[in-house]
Amino acid sequence: MSIASTPPAPYYAVIFTSIKNEKADGYESMAQRMMELASKQPGFLGVESAREEIGITVSYWESMYSIKLWKENAEHTIAQEKGKLQWYEHYTVRICLVQREYSF
């Protein structure tokens, strides 16, 4: 995994923060599939992810509309339901407008 290469601001970030429970059966393969699927969505710009006690995945998008389409993607909807029923103790989704960015 590397730091996403995003276009000049503005664009959007979806921050998915989660705490997994102990029922991890199928989680890793679904997470990998969601990364692959998201990268093919219109408006997708990149993703960064890390997991220790808390998992944080930040995906970057061109517009609120592209975020909406991703949320409504049929396969993603199935993953969301499995997450609620099987894998997550808690999660939070935050959607942010990135207005400025700089790097070193």
PDB file of N, CA and C in Angstrom:
ATOM      1  N   MET A   1       0.852  -1.174   0.000  1.00  0.00           N
ATOM      2  CA  MET A   1       0.000   0.000   0.000  1.00  0.00           C
ATOM      3  C   MET A   1       0.895   1.233   0.000  1.00  0.00           C
ATOM      4  N   SER A   2       0.469   2.262  -0.697  1.00  0.00           N
ATOM      5  CA  SER A   2       1.248   3.494  -0.751  1.00  0.00           C
ATOM      6  C   SER A   2       0.322   4.686  -0.537  1.00  0.00           C
ATOM      7  N   ILE A   3       0.904   5.851  -0.463  1.00  0.00           N
ATOM      8  CA  ILE A   3       0.114   7.076  -0.324  1.00  0.00           C
ATOM      9  C   ILE A   3      -0.523   7.379  -1.677  1.00  0.00           C
ATOM     10  N   ALA A   4      -1.816   7.669  -1.666  1.00  0.00           N
ATOM     11  CA  ALA A   4      -2.551   7.927  -2.906  1.00  0.00           C
ATOM     12  C   ALA A   4      -2.042   9.198  -3.580  1.00  0.00           C
ATOM     13  N   SER A   5      -1.970   9.140  -4.874  1.00  0.00           N
ATOM     14  CA  SER A   5      -1.604  10.305  -5.673  1.00  0.00           C
ATOM     15  C   SER A   5      -2.900  10.949  -6.156  1.00  0.00           C
ATOM     16  N   THR A   6      -3.257  12.067  -5.576  1.00  0.00           N
ATOM     17  CA  THR A   6      -4.530  12.722  -5.878  1.00  0.00           C
ATOM     18  C   THR A   6      -4.306  13.959  -6.741  1.00  0.00           C
ATOM     19  N   PRO A   7      -5.350  14.386  -7.449  1.00  0.00           N
ATOM     20  CA  PRO A   7      -5.229  15.587  -8.269  1.00  0.00           C
ATOM     21  C   PRO A   7      -5.233  16.829  -7.381  1.00  0.00           C
ATOM     22  N   PRO A   8      -5.012  17.989  -7.947  1.00  0.00           N
ATOM     23  CA  PRO A   8      -5.124  19.209  -7.148  1.00  0.00           C
ATOM     24  C   PRO A   8      -6.521  19.332  -6.526  1.00  0.00           C
ATOM     25  N   ALA A   9      -6.577  19.849  -5.314  1.00  0.00           N
ATOM     26  CA  ALA A   9      -7.853  20.069  -4.628  1.00  0.00           C
ATOM     27  C   ALA A   9      -8.665  21.106  -5.407  1.00  0.00           C
ATOM     28  N   PRO A  10      -9.980  21.064  -5.294  1.00  0.00           N
ATOM     29  CA  PRO A  10     -10.787  20.297  -4.350  1.00  0.00           C
ATOM     30  C   PRO A  10     -11.190  18.925  -4.886  1.00  0.00           C
ATOM     31  N   TYR A  11     -11.383  18.023  -3.941  1.00  0.00           N
ATOM     32  CA  TYR A  11     -11.944  16.699  -4.179  1.00  0.00           C
ATOM     33  C   TYR A  11     -12.463  16.227  -2.828  1.00  0.00           C
ATOM     34  N   TYR A  12     -13.012  15.029  -2.776  1.00  0.00           N
ATOM     35  CA  TYR A  12     -13.632  14.544  -1.545  1.00  0.00           C
ATOM     36  C   TYR A  12     -12.873  13.354  -0.969  1.00  0.00           C
ATOM     37  N   ALA A  13     -12.939  13.221   0.349  1.00  0.00           N
ATOM     38  CA  ALA A  13     -12.369  12.075   1.056  1.00  0.00           C
ATOM     39  C   ALA A  13     -13.479  11.415   1.865  1.00  0.00           C
ATOM     40  N   VAL A  14     -13.555  10.096   1.761  1.00  0.00           N
ATOM     41  CA  VAL A  14     -14.455   9.311   2.604  1.00  0.00           C
ATOM     42  C   VAL A  14     -13.563   8.574   3.594  1.00  0.00           C
ATOM     43  N   ILE A  15     -13.746   8.874   4.869  1.00  0.00           N
ATOM     44  CA  ILE A  15     -12.933   8.281   5.927  1.00  0.00           C
ATOM     45  C   ILE A  15     -13.777   7.222   6.630  1.00  0.00           C
ATOM     46  N   PHE A  16     -13.363   5.976   6.502  1.00  0.00           N
ATOM     47  CA  PHE A  16     -14.057   4.851   7.120  1.00  0.00           C
ATOM     48  C   PHE A  16     -13.193   4.349   8.263  1.00  0.00           C
ATOM     49  N   THR A  17     -13.657   4.556   9.489  1.00  0.00           N
ATOM     50  CA  THR A  17     -12.934   4.149  10.691  1.00  0.00           C
ATOM     51  C   THR A  17     -13.707   3.006  11.332  1.00  0.00           C
ATOM     52  N   SER A  18     -13.011   1.912  11.670  1.00  0.00           N
ATOM     53  CA  SER A  18     -13.735   0.738  12.168  1.00  0.00           C
ATOM     54  C   SER A  18     -12.989   0.014  13.272  1.00  0.00           C
ATOM     55  N   ILE A  19     -13.779  -0.681  14.066  1.00  0.00           N
ATOM     56  CA  ILE A  19     -13.270  -1.626  15.056  1.00  0.00           C
ATOM     57  C   ILE A  19     -13.893  -2.962  14.708  1.00  0.00           C
ATOM     58  N   LYS A  20     -13.041  -3.944  14.408  1.00  0.00           N
ATOM     59  CA  LYS A  20     -13.531  -5.273  14.051  1.00  0.00           C
ATOM     60  C   LYS A  20     -13.854  -6.072  15.303  1.00  0.00           C
ATOM     61  N   ASN A  21     -14.823  -6.967  15.148  1.00  0.00           N
ATOM     62  CA  ASN A  21     -15.041  -7.936  16.217  1.00  0.00           C
ATOM     63  C   ASN A  21     -14.172  -9.155  15.929  1.00  0.00           C
ATOM     64  N   GLU A  22     -14.418 -10.262  16.580  1.00  0.00           N
ATOM     65  CA  GLU A  22     -13.551 -11.430  16.424  1.00  0.00           C
ATOM     66  C   GLU A  22     -13.993 -12.370  15.309  1.00  0.00           C
ATOM     67  N   LYS A  23     -15.076 -12.056  14.620  1.00  0.00           N
ATOM     68  CA  LYS A  23     -15.593 -12.911  13.544  1.00  0.00           C
ATOM     69  C   LYS A  23     -15.007 -12.443  12.216  1.00  0.00           C
ATOM     70  N   ALA A  24     -13.810 -12.892  11.904  1.00  0.00           N
ATOM     71  CA  ALA A  24     -13.095 -12.379  10.734  1.00  0.00           C
ATOM     72  C   ALA A  24     -13.252 -13.248   9.490  1.00  0.00           C
ATOM     73  N   ASP A  25     -14.054 -14.310   9.552  1.00  0.00           N
ATOM     74  CA  ASP A  25     -14.193 -15.224   8.425  1.00  0.00           C
ATOM     75  C   ASP A  25     -14.656 -14.492   7.167  1.00  0.00           C
ATOM     76  N   GLY A  26     -13.802 -14.492   6.154  1.00  0.00           N
ATOM     77  CA  GLY A  26     -14.133 -13.858   4.884  1.00  0.00           C
ATOM     78  C   GLY A  26     -13.828 -12.380   4.797  1.00  0.00           C
ATOM     79  N   TYR A  27     -13.382 -11.785   5.894  1.00  0.00           N
ATOM     80  CA  TYR A  27     -13.157 -10.338   5.923  1.00  0.00           C
ATOM     81  C   TYR A  27     -12.055  -9.905   4.954  1.00  0.00           C
ATOM     82  N   GLU A  28     -10.912 -10.554   5.018  1.00  0.00           N
ATOM     83  CA  GLU A  28      -9.763 -10.125   4.207  1.00  0.00           C
ATOM     84  C   GLU A  28     -10.054 -10.199   2.711  1.00  0.00           C
ATOM     85  N   SER A  29     -10.683 -11.271   2.282  1.00  0.00           N
ATOM     86  CA  SER A  29     -10.997 -11.390   0.850  1.00  0.00           C
ATOM     87  C   SER A  29     -12.025 -10.348   0.426  1.00  0.00           C
ATOM     88  N   MET A  30     -12.996 -10.054   1.281  1.00  0.00           N
ATOM     89  CA  MET A  30     -13.980  -9.025   0.949  1.00  0.00           C
ATOM     90  C   MET A  30     -13.329  -7.644   0.920  1.00  0.00           C
ATOM     91  N   ALA A  31     -12.438  -7.362   1.862  1.00  0.00           N
ATOM     92  CA  ALA A  31     -11.751  -6.067   1.880  1.00  0.00           C
ATOM     93  C   ALA A  31     -10.931  -5.881   0.605  1.00  0.00           C
ATOM     94  N   GLN A  32     -10.241  -6.922   0.182  1.00  0.00           N
ATOM     95  CA  GLN A  32      -9.453  -6.865  -1.055  1.00  0.00           C
ATOM     96  C   GLN A  32     -10.362  -6.644  -2.259  1.00  0.00           C
ATOM     97  N   ARG A  33     -11.476  -7.349  -2.292  1.00  0.00           N
ATOM     98  CA  ARG A  33     -12.428  -7.198  -3.398  1.00  0.00           C
ATOM     99  C   ARG A  33     -12.985  -5.776  -3.441  1.00  0.00           C
ATOM    100  N   MET A  34     -13.278  -5.186  -2.290  1.00  0.00           N
ATOM    101  CA  MET A  34     -13.816  -3.824  -2.258  1.00  0.00           C
ATOM    102  C   MET A  34     -12.783  -2.827  -2.768  1.00  0.00           C
ATOM    103  N   MET A  35     -11.503  -3.030  -2.460  1.00  0.00           N
ATOM    104  CA  MET A  35     -10.439  -2.162  -2.981  1.00  0.00           C
ATOM    105  C   MET A  35     -10.396  -2.251  -4.504  1.00  0.00           C
ATOM    106  N   GLU A  36     -10.451  -3.475  -5.025  1.00  0.00           N
ATOM    107  CA  GLU A  36     -10.434  -3.672  -6.474  1.00  0.00           C
ATOM    108  C   GLU A  36     -11.649  -3.034  -7.135  1.00  0.00           C
ATOM    109  N   LEU A  37     -12.812  -3.260  -6.552  1.00  0.00           N
ATOM    110  CA  LEU A  37     -14.060  -2.749  -7.114  1.00  0.00           C
ATOM    111  C   LEU A  37     -14.116  -1.227  -7.063  1.00  0.00           C
ATOM    112  N   ALA A  38     -13.720  -0.652  -5.933  1.00  0.00           N
ATOM    113  CA  ALA A  38     -13.740   0.815  -5.796  1.00  0.00           C
ATOM    114  C   ALA A  38     -12.839   1.460  -6.834  1.00  0.00           C
ATOM    115  N   SER A  39     -11.687   0.850  -7.077  1.00  0.00           N
ATOM    116  CA  SER A  39     -10.737   1.447  -8.022  1.00  0.00           C
ATOM    117  C   SER A  39     -11.277   1.510  -9.448  1.00  0.00           C
ATOM    118  N   LYS A  40     -12.318   0.759  -9.735  1.00  0.00           N
ATOM    119  CA  LYS A  40     -12.935   0.753 -11.070  1.00  0.00           C
ATOM    120  C   LYS A  40     -14.153   1.677 -11.160  1.00  0.00           C
ATOM    121  N   GLN A  41     -14.549   2.250 -10.039  1.00  0.00           N
ATOM    122  CA  GLN A  41     -15.725   3.125 -10.011  1.00  0.00           C
ATOM    123  C   GLN A  41     -15.422   4.464 -10.672  1.00  0.00           C
ATOM    124  N   PRO A  42     -16.375   5.027 -11.413  1.00  0.00           N
ATOM    125  CA  PRO A  42     -16.202   6.380 -11.958  1.00  0.00           C
ATOM    126  C   PRO A  42     -15.987   7.386 -10.821  1.00  0.00           C
ATOM    127  N   GLY A  43     -15.012   8.246 -10.977  1.00  0.00           N
ATOM    128  CA  GLY A  43     -14.746   9.276  -9.982  1.00  0.00           C
ATOM    129  C   GLY A  43     -13.792   8.871  -8.878  1.00  0.00           C
ATOM    130  N   PHE A  44     -13.347   7.618  -8.851  1.00  0.00           N
ATOM    131  CA  PHE A  44     -12.406   7.154  -7.837  1.00  0.00           C
ATOM    132  C   PHE A  44     -11.034   7.756  -8.112  1.00  0.00           C
ATOM    133  N   LEU A  45     -10.388   8.282  -7.062  1.00  0.00           N
ATOM    134  CA  LEU A  45      -9.076   8.920  -7.211  1.00  0.00           C
ATOM    135  C   LEU A  45      -7.948   8.170  -6.519  1.00  0.00           C
ATOM    136  N   GLY A  46      -8.265   7.399  -5.490  1.00  0.00           N
ATOM    137  CA  GLY A  46      -7.223   6.673  -4.769  1.00  0.00           C
ATOM    138  C   GLY A  46      -7.711   6.230  -3.409  1.00  0.00           C
ATOM    139  N   VAL A  47      -6.863   5.454  -2.718  1.00  0.00           N
ATOM    140  CA  VAL A  47      -7.227   4.949  -1.397  1.00  0.00           C
ATOM    141  C   VAL A  47      -5.962   4.742  -0.562  1.00  0.00           C
ATOM    142  N   GLU A  48      -6.113   4.902   0.735  1.00  0.00           N
ATOM    143  CA  GLU A  48      -5.064   4.616   1.720  1.00  0.00           C
ATOM    144  C   GLU A  48      -5.729   3.869   2.868  1.00  0.00           C
ATOM    145  N   SER A  49      -5.044   2.882   3.423  1.00  0.00           N
ATOM    146  CA  SER A  49      -5.661   2.081   4.471  1.00  0.00           C
ATOM    147  C   SER A  49      -4.622   1.573   5.446  1.00  0.00           C
ATOM    148  N   ALA A  50      -5.016   1.476   6.714  1.00  0.00           N
ATOM    149  CA  ALA A  50      -4.154   0.927   7.764  1.00  0.00           C
ATOM    150  C   ALA A  50      -5.050   0.258   8.803  1.00  0.00           C
ATOM    151  N   ARG A  51      -4.553  -0.821   9.403  1.00  0.00           N
ATOM    152  CA  ARG A  51      -5.330  -1.499  10.435  1.00  0.00           C
ATOM    153  C   ARG A  51      -4.407  -1.979  11.540  1.00  0.00           C
ATOM    154  N   GLU A  52      -4.743  -1.570  12.731  1.00  0.00           N
ATOM    155  CA  GLU A  52      -4.159  -2.118  13.957  1.00  0.00           C
ATOM    156  C   GLU A  52      -5.358  -2.418  14.848  1.00  0.00           C
ATOM    157  N   GLU A  53      -5.458  -1.768  16.003  1.00  0.00           N
ATOM    158  CA  GLU A  53      -6.652  -1.931  16.832  1.00  0.00           C
ATOM    159  C   GLU A  53      -7.854  -1.276  16.151  1.00  0.00           C
ATOM    160  N   ILE A  54      -7.595  -0.147  15.499  1.00  0.00           N
ATOM    161  CA  ILE A  54      -8.615   0.589  14.745  1.00  0.00           C
ATOM    162  C   ILE A  54      -8.193   0.562  13.288  1.00  0.00           C
ATOM    163  N   GLY A  55      -9.145   0.304  12.412  1.00  0.00           N
ATOM    164  CA  GLY A  55      -8.869   0.359  10.983  1.00  0.00           C
ATOM    165  C   GLY A  55      -9.295   1.703  10.431  1.00  0.00           C
ATOM    166  N   ILE A  56      -8.484   2.264   9.561  1.00  0.00           N
ATOM    167  CA  ILE A  56      -8.817   3.530   8.910  1.00  0.00           C
ATOM    168  C   ILE A  56      -8.556   3.368   7.422  1.00  0.00           C
ATOM    169  N   THR A  57      -9.591   3.585   6.638  1.00  0.00           N
ATOM    170  CA  THR A  57      -9.465   3.582   5.193  1.00  0.00           C
ATOM    171  C   THR A  57      -9.985   4.916   4.691  1.00  0.00           C
ATOM    172  N   VAL A  58      -9.166   5.605   3.912  1.00  0.00           N
ATOM    173  CA  VAL A  58      -9.565   6.878   3.314  1.00  0.00           C
ATOM    174  C   VAL A  58      -9.584   6.678   1.808  1.00  0.00           C
ATOM    175  N   SER A  59     -10.759   6.879   1.220  1.00  0.00           N
ATOM    176  CA  SER A  59     -10.856   6.819  -0.242  1.00  0.00           C
ATOM    177  C   SER A  59     -11.124   8.230  -0.752  1.00  0.00           C
ATOM    178  N   TYR A  60     -10.604   8.515  -1.931  1.00  0.00           N
ATOM    179  CA  TYR A  60     -10.691   9.862  -2.503  1.00  0.00           C
ATOM    180  C   TYR A  60     -11.540   9.812  -3.768  1.00  0.00           C
ATOM    181  N   TRP A  61     -12.394  10.840  -3.926  1.00  0.00           N
ATOM    182  CA  TRP A  61     -13.395  10.857  -4.986  1.00  0.00           C
ATOM    183  C   TRP A  61     -13.507  12.233  -5.614  1.00  0.00           C
ATOM    184  N   GLU A  62     -13.880  12.256  -6.889  1.00  0.00           N
ATOM    185  CA  GLU A  62     -14.052  13.516  -7.626  1.00  0.00           C
ATOM    186  C   GLU A  62     -15.244  14.332  -7.132  1.00  0.00           C
ATOM    187  N   SER A  63     -16.323  13.650  -6.729  1.00  0.00           N
ATOM    188  CA  SER A  63     -17.568  14.370  -6.431  1.00  0.00           C
ATOM    189  C   SER A  63     -18.416  13.612  -5.418  1.00  0.00           C
ATOM    190  N   MET A  64     -19.392  14.311  -4.873  1.00  0.00           N
ATOM    191  CA  MET A  64     -20.370  13.669  -3.998  1.00  0.00           C
ATOM    192  C   MET A  64     -21.175  12.641  -4.790  1.00  0.00           C
ATOM    193  N   TYR A  65     -21.402  12.917  -6.052  1.00  0.00           N
ATOM    194  CA  TYR A  65     -22.144  11.984  -6.891  1.00  0.00           C
ATOM    195  C   TYR A  65     -21.383  10.655  -7.050  1.00  0.00           C
ATOM    196  N   SER A  66     -20.087  10.717  -7.264  1.00  0.00           N
ATOM    197  CA  SER A  66     -19.303   9.480  -7.392  1.00  0.00           C
ATOM    198  C   SER A  66     -19.301   8.708  -6.071  1.00  0.00           C
ATOM    199  N   ILE A  67     -19.315   9.397  -4.942  1.00  0.00           N
ATOM    200  CA  ILE A  67     -19.412   8.745  -3.629  1.00  0.00           C
ATOM    201  C   ILE A  67     -20.759   8.044  -3.497  1.00  0.00           C
ATOM    202  N   LYS A  68     -21.809   8.714  -3.916  1.00  0.00           N
ATOM    203  CA  LYS A  68     -23.163   8.139  -3.867  1.00  0.00           C
ATOM    204  C   LYS A  68     -23.240   6.867  -4.708  1.00  0.00           C
ATOM    205  N   LEU A  69     -22.682   6.906  -5.910  1.00  0.00           N
ATOM    206  CA  LEU A  69     -22.700   5.720  -6.767  1.00  0.00           C
ATOM    207  C   LEU A  69     -21.946   4.557  -6.128  1.00  0.00           C
ATOM    208  N   TRP A  70     -20.823   4.850  -5.476  1.00  0.00           N
ATOM    209  CA  TRP A  70     -20.058   3.803  -4.795  1.00  0.00           C
ATOM    210  C   TRP A  70     -20.856   3.217  -3.641  1.00  0.00           C
ATOM    211  N   LYS A  71     -21.483   4.066  -2.841  1.00  0.00           N
ATOM    212  CA  LYS A  71     -22.277   3.585  -1.709  1.00  0.00           C
ATOM    213  C   LYS A  71     -23.396   2.673  -2.181  1.00  0.00           C
ATOM    214  N   GLU A  72     -23.957   2.970  -3.358  1.00  0.00           N
ATOM    215  CA  GLU A  72     -25.093   2.208  -3.882  1.00  0.00           C
ATOM    216  C   GLU A  72     -24.680   1.017  -4.746  1.00  0.00           C
ATOM    217  N   ASN A  73     -23.387   0.824  -4.993  1.00  0.00           N
ATOM    218  CA  ASN A  73     -22.919  -0.303  -5.789  1.00  0.00           C
ATOM    219  C   ASN A  73     -23.423  -1.608  -5.157  1.00  0.00           C
ATOM    220  N   ALA A  74     -23.997  -2.497  -5.975  1.00  0.00           N
ATOM    221  CA  ALA A  74     -24.640  -3.710  -5.463  1.00  0.00           C
ATOM    222  C   ALA A  74     -23.695  -4.579  -4.633  1.00  0.00           C
ATOM    223  N   GLU A  75     -22.494  -4.818  -5.125  1.00  0.00           N
ATOM    224  CA  GLU A  75     -21.547  -5.656  -4.396  1.00  0.00           C
ATOM    225  C   GLU A  75     -21.066  -4.969  -3.116  1.00  0.00           C
ATOM    226  N   HIS A  76     -20.894  -3.653  -3.181  1.00  0.00           N
ATOM    227  CA  HIS A  76     -20.504  -2.881  -1.999  1.00  0.00           C
ATOM    228  C   HIS A  76     -21.618  -2.913  -0.945  1.00  0.00           C
ATOM    229  N   THR A  77     -22.861  -2.874  -1.386  1.00  0.00           N
ATOM    230  CA  THR A  77     -24.006  -2.937  -0.467  1.00  0.00           C
ATOM    231  C   THR A  77     -23.995  -4.259   0.302  1.00  0.00           C
ATOM    232  N   ILE A  78     -23.677  -5.350  -0.384  1.00  0.00           N
ATOM    233  CA  ILE A  78     -23.575  -6.661   0.279  1.00  0.00           C
ATOM    234  C   ILE A  78     -22.460  -6.634   1.325  1.00  0.00           C
ATOM    235  N   ALA A  79     -21.321  -6.058   0.968  1.00  0.00           N
ATOM    236  CA  ALA A  79     -20.196  -5.960   1.917  1.00  0.00           C
ATOM    237  C   ALA A  79     -20.572  -5.116   3.129  1.00  0.00           C
ATOM    238  N   GLN A  80     -21.312  -4.031   2.898  1.00  0.00           N
ATOM    239  CA  GLN A  80     -21.744  -3.188   4.013  1.00  0.00           C
ATOM    240  C   GLN A  80     -22.612  -3.980   4.984  1.00  0.00           C
ATOM    241  N   GLU A  81     -23.541  -4.764   4.465  1.00  0.00           N
ATOM    242  CA  GLU A  81     -24.425  -5.565   5.315  1.00  0.00           C
ATOM    243  C   GLU A  81     -23.641  -6.632   6.081  1.00  0.00           C
ATOM    244  N   LYS A  82     -22.713  -7.298   5.395  1.00  0.00           N
ATOM    245  CA  LYS A  82     -21.883  -8.289   6.079  1.00  0.00           C
ATOM    246  C   LYS A  82     -21.062  -7.630   7.185  1.00  0.00           C
ATOM    247  N   GLY A  83     -20.567  -6.434   6.918  1.00  0.00           N
ATOM    248  CA  GLY A  83     -19.818  -5.715   7.935  1.00  0.00           C
ATOM    249  C   GLY A  83     -20.645  -5.474   9.180  1.00  0.00           C
ATOM    250  N   LYS A  84     -21.877  -5.031   8.987  1.00  0.00           N
ATOM    251  CA  LYS A  84     -22.769  -4.769  10.122  1.00  0.00           C
ATOM    252  C   LYS A  84     -23.104  -6.052  10.876  1.00  0.00           C
ATOM    253  N   LEU A  85     -23.361  -7.131  10.137  1.00  0.00           N
ATOM    254  CA  LEU A  85     -23.816  -8.376  10.754  1.00  0.00           C
ATOM    255  C   LEU A  85     -22.683  -9.253  11.278  1.00  0.00           C
ATOM    256  N   GLN A  86     -21.499  -9.188  10.631  1.00  0.00           N
ATOM    257  CA  GLN A  86     -20.450 -10.146  10.955  1.00  0.00           C
ATOM    258  C   GLN A  86     -19.161  -9.551  11.493  1.00  0.00           C
ATOM    259  N   TRP A  87     -18.646  -8.498  10.872  1.00  0.00           N
ATOM    260  CA  TRP A  87     -17.252  -8.137  11.082  1.00  0.00           C
ATOM    261  C   TRP A  87     -16.988  -6.963  12.017  1.00  0.00           C
ATOM    262  N   TYR A  88     -17.895  -6.016  12.103  1.00  0.00           N
ATOM    263  CA  TYR A  88     -17.586  -4.791  12.838  1.00  0.00           C
ATOM    264  C   TYR A  88     -18.317  -4.702  14.165  1.00  0.00           C
ATOM    265  N   GLU A  89     -17.558  -4.303  15.161  1.00  0.00           N
ATOM    266  CA  GLU A  89     -18.132  -3.949  16.450  1.00  0.00           C
ATOM    267  C   GLU A  89     -18.697  -2.524  16.360  1.00  0.00           C
ATOM    268  N   HIS A  90     -17.979  -1.681  15.602  1.00  0.00           N
ATOM    269  CA  HIS A  90     -18.387  -0.288  15.426  1.00  0.00           C
ATOM    270  C   HIS A  90     -17.688   0.272  14.190  1.00  0.00           C
ATOM    271  N   TYR A  91     -18.364   1.185  13.497  1.00  0.00           N
ATOM    272  CA  TYR A  91     -17.691   1.931  12.431  1.00  0.00           C
ATOM    273  C   TYR A  91     -18.310   3.310  12.291  1.00  0.00           C
ATOM    274  N   THR A  92     -17.544   4.217  11.720  1.00  0.00           N
ATOM    275  CA  THR A  92     -17.994   5.573  11.432  1.00  0.00           C
ATOM    276  C   THR A  92     -17.515   5.944  10.036  1.00  0.00           C
ATOM    277  N   VAL A  93     -18.376   6.610   9.292  1.00  0.00           N
ATOM    278  CA  VAL A  93     -18.034   7.115   7.974  1.00  0.00           C
ATOM    279  C   VAL A  93     -18.106   8.630   8.026  1.00  0.00           C
ATOM    280  N   ARG A  94     -17.058   9.276   7.561  1.00  0.00           N
ATOM    281  CA  ARG A  94     -17.021  10.735   7.482  1.00  0.00           C
ATOM    282  C   ARG A  94     -16.713  11.122   6.045  1.00  0.00           C
ATOM    283  N   ILE A  95     -17.441  12.087   5.517  1.00  0.00           N
ATOM    284  CA  ILE A  95     -17.208  12.561   4.160  1.00  0.00           C
ATOM    285  C   ILE A  95     -16.757  14.007   4.246  1.00  0.00           C
ATOM    286  N   CYS A  96     -15.606  14.292   3.650  1.00  0.00           N
ATOM    287  CA  CYS A  96     -14.972  15.596   3.790  1.00  0.00           C
ATOM    288  C   CYS A  96     -14.620  16.177   2.424  1.00  0.00           C
ATOM    289  N   LEU A  97     -14.690  17.474   2.326  1.00  0.00           N
ATOM    290  CA  LEU A  97     -14.188  18.176   1.152  1.00  0.00           C
ATOM    291  C   LEU A  97     -12.733  18.542   1.416  1.00  0.00           C
ATOM    292  N   VAL A  98     -11.849  18.069   0.575  1.00  0.00           N
ATOM    293  CA  VAL A  98     -10.433  18.407   0.681  1.00  0.00           C
ATOM    294  C   VAL A  98     -10.238  19.715  -0.085  1.00  0.00           C
ATOM    295  N   GLN A  99      -9.873  20.753   0.638  1.00  0.00           N
ATOM    296  CA  GLN A  99      -9.724  22.069   0.020  1.00  0.00           C
ATOM    297  C   GLN A  99      -8.274  22.434  -0.230  1.00  0.00           C
ATOM    298  N   ARG A 100      -7.384  21.760   0.477  1.00  0.00           N
ATOM    299  CA  ARG A 100      -5.961  22.078   0.349  1.00  0.00           C
ATOM    300  C   ARG A 100      -5.162  20.833   0.645  1.00  0.00           C
ATOM    301  N   GLU A 101      -4.035  20.691  -0.019  1.00  0.00           N
ATOM    302  CA  GLU A 101      -3.156  19.561   0.224  1.00  0.00           C
ATOM    303  C   GLU A 101      -1.718  19.982  -0.022  1.00  0.00           C
ATOM    304  N   TYR A 102      -0.798  19.408   0.737  1.00  0.00           N
ATOM    305  CA  TYR A 102       0.620  19.601   0.473  1.00  0.00           C
ATOM    306  C   TYR A 102       1.353  18.354   0.920  1.00  0.00           C
ATOM    307  N   SER A 103       2.541  18.138   0.399  1.00  0.00           N
ATOM    308  CA  SER A 103       3.284  16.911   0.654  1.00  0.00           C
ATOM    309  C   SER A 103       4.765  17.197   0.888  1.00  0.00           C
ATOM    310  N   PHE A 104       5.421  16.201   1.445  1.00  0.00           N
ATOM    311  CA  PHE A 104       6.875  16.205   1.570  1.00  0.00           C
ATOM    312  C   PHE A 104       7.370  14.919   0.990  1.00  0.00           C
TER     313      PHE A 104
END
